[in-house]
Amino acid sequence: MSPKMTPEDFVKKWNRMFLSEMAAAQSHFLDVCDLGRPSPSYRALPRRI
């Protein structure tokens, strides 16, 4: 399975971002995960109620 986001897409998206580090952290992390895996591993963890 190919990654959802290509390295070129990642650079295009994040090169033009003007958010604070705190505002962009989660989105940036998920995009980094998409570069190397089909989906981030946290989505596979069971939910606790």
N, C-alpha and C. Protein backbone atom coordinates (compact mmCIF):
# COMPACT_ATOMS: atom_id res chain seq x y z
N MET A 1 0.84 -1.18 0.00
CA MET A 1 0.00 0.00 0.00
C MET A 1 0.89 1.25 0.00
N SER A 2 0.57 2.20 -0.82
CA SER A 2 1.38 3.41 -0.91
C SER A 2 0.97 4.40 0.18
N PRO A 3 1.89 5.28 0.58
CA PRO A 3 1.56 6.28 1.60
C PRO A 3 0.46 7.21 1.12
N LYS A 4 -0.29 7.76 2.06
CA LYS A 4 -1.36 8.69 1.72
C LYS A 4 -0.80 10.03 1.24
N MET A 5 0.36 10.39 1.75
CA MET A 5 0.96 11.69 1.42
C MET A 5 2.37 11.45 0.91
N THR A 6 2.71 12.06 -0.21
CA THR A 6 4.06 11.93 -0.74
C THR A 6 4.96 12.95 -0.04
N PRO A 7 6.27 12.74 -0.08
CA PRO A 7 7.17 13.75 0.50
C PRO A 7 6.98 15.12 -0.14
N GLU A 8 6.72 15.16 -1.43
CA GLU A 8 6.50 16.43 -2.13
C GLU A 8 5.24 17.13 -1.61
N ASP A 9 4.17 16.35 -1.38
CA ASP A 9 2.94 16.91 -0.82
C ASP A 9 3.18 17.47 0.58
N PHE A 10 3.96 16.74 1.37
CA PHE A 10 4.27 17.17 2.73
C PHE A 10 5.01 18.51 2.72
N VAL A 11 6.02 18.62 1.88
CA VAL A 11 6.80 19.87 1.80
C VAL A 11 5.92 21.01 1.33
N LYS A 12 5.10 20.79 0.32
CA LYS A 12 4.21 21.84 -0.17
C LYS A 12 3.26 22.33 0.92
N LYS A 13 2.70 21.38 1.67
CA LYS A 13 1.76 21.75 2.72
C LYS A 13 2.43 22.51 3.86
N TRP A 14 3.53 21.98 4.38
CA TRP A 14 4.13 22.55 5.58
C TRP A 14 5.08 23.70 5.31
N ASN A 15 5.51 23.88 4.09
CA ASN A 15 6.38 25.00 3.76
C ASN A 15 5.63 26.32 3.83
N ARG A 16 4.34 26.29 3.63
CA ARG A 16 3.56 27.53 3.62
C ARG A 16 2.68 27.71 4.85
N MET A 17 2.90 26.92 5.89
CA MET A 17 2.12 27.03 7.12
C MET A 17 2.64 28.17 7.99
N PHE A 18 1.71 28.93 8.54
CA PHE A 18 2.06 30.03 9.43
C PHE A 18 1.35 29.88 10.77
N LEU A 19 1.36 28.65 11.28
CA LEU A 19 0.74 28.37 12.58
C LEU A 19 1.82 28.30 13.66
N SER A 20 1.38 28.49 14.89
CA SER A 20 2.33 28.30 15.99
C SER A 20 2.66 26.82 16.10
N GLU A 21 3.75 26.54 16.78
CA GLU A 21 4.16 25.14 16.96
C GLU A 21 3.08 24.34 17.67
N MET A 22 2.48 24.93 18.68
CA MET A 22 1.45 24.24 19.44
C MET A 22 0.20 23.97 18.57
N ALA A 23 -0.17 24.92 17.75
CA ALA A 23 -1.36 24.77 16.91
C ALA A 23 -1.17 23.71 15.82
N ALA A 24 0.04 23.54 15.36
CA ALA A 24 0.30 22.63 14.24
C ALA A 24 0.83 21.26 14.63
N ALA A 25 1.15 21.05 15.89
CA ALA A 25 1.86 19.84 16.31
C ALA A 25 1.14 18.54 15.95
N GLN A 26 -0.13 18.42 16.27
CA GLN A 26 -0.83 17.17 16.03
C GLN A 26 -0.98 16.90 14.53
N SER A 27 -1.38 17.90 13.78
CA SER A 27 -1.52 17.76 12.33
C SER A 27 -0.19 17.38 11.67
N HIS A 28 0.87 18.03 12.10
CA HIS A 28 2.19 17.76 11.55
C HIS A 28 2.60 16.33 11.85
N PHE A 29 2.38 15.88 13.09
CA PHE A 29 2.73 14.52 13.48
C PHE A 29 1.97 13.49 12.64
N LEU A 30 0.67 13.69 12.44
CA LEU A 30 -0.13 12.75 11.65
C LEU A 30 0.34 12.71 10.19
N ASP A 31 0.72 13.86 9.65
CA ASP A 31 1.23 13.89 8.29
C ASP A 31 2.57 13.16 8.18
N VAL A 32 3.42 13.30 9.19
CA VAL A 32 4.70 12.56 9.21
C VAL A 32 4.41 11.06 9.24
N CYS A 33 3.44 10.65 10.04
CA CYS A 33 3.07 9.23 10.09
C CYS A 33 2.58 8.74 8.73
N ASP A 34 1.83 9.55 8.03
CA ASP A 34 1.32 9.18 6.71
C ASP A 34 2.43 8.99 5.69
N LEU A 35 3.57 9.62 5.91
CA LEU A 35 4.69 9.46 4.97
C LEU A 35 5.26 8.05 5.00
N GLY A 36 5.25 7.41 6.16
CA GLY A 36 5.92 6.14 6.28
C GLY A 36 5.03 4.93 6.48
N ARG A 37 3.78 5.14 6.81
CA ARG A 37 2.88 4.03 7.10
C ARG A 37 1.51 4.28 6.49
N PRO A 38 0.74 3.20 6.29
CA PRO A 38 -0.63 3.38 5.81
C PRO A 38 -1.51 4.16 6.78
N SER A 39 -1.32 3.98 8.10
CA SER A 39 -2.09 4.74 9.08
C SER A 39 -1.31 4.82 10.39
N PRO A 40 -1.50 5.91 11.14
CA PRO A 40 -0.80 6.03 12.44
C PRO A 40 -1.23 4.91 13.38
N SER A 41 -0.29 4.40 14.16
CA SER A 41 -0.56 3.26 15.03
C SER A 41 -1.53 3.58 16.15
N TYR A 42 -1.66 4.85 16.56
CA TYR A 42 -2.56 5.16 17.66
C TYR A 42 -4.01 4.83 17.29
N ARG A 43 -4.36 4.83 16.02
CA ARG A 43 -5.72 4.52 15.60
C ARG A 43 -6.06 3.05 15.84
N ALA A 44 -5.07 2.20 15.97
CA ALA A 44 -5.30 0.78 16.19
C ALA A 44 -5.48 0.44 17.67
N LEU A 45 -5.20 1.38 18.55
CA LEU A 45 -5.31 1.13 19.98
C LEU A 45 -6.78 1.10 20.40
N PRO A 46 -7.15 0.21 21.32
CA PRO A 46 -8.54 0.17 21.79
C PRO A 46 -8.87 1.42 22.60
N ARG A 47 -10.10 1.87 22.51
CA ARG A 47 -10.55 3.04 23.26
C ARG A 47 -10.91 2.63 24.67
N ARG A 48 -10.58 3.47 25.62
CA ARG A 48 -10.97 3.24 27.02
C ARG A 48 -12.16 4.10 27.34
N ILE A 49 -13.10 3.51 28.03
CA ILE A 49 -14.32 4.27 28.37
C ILE A 49 -14.32 4.56 29.84
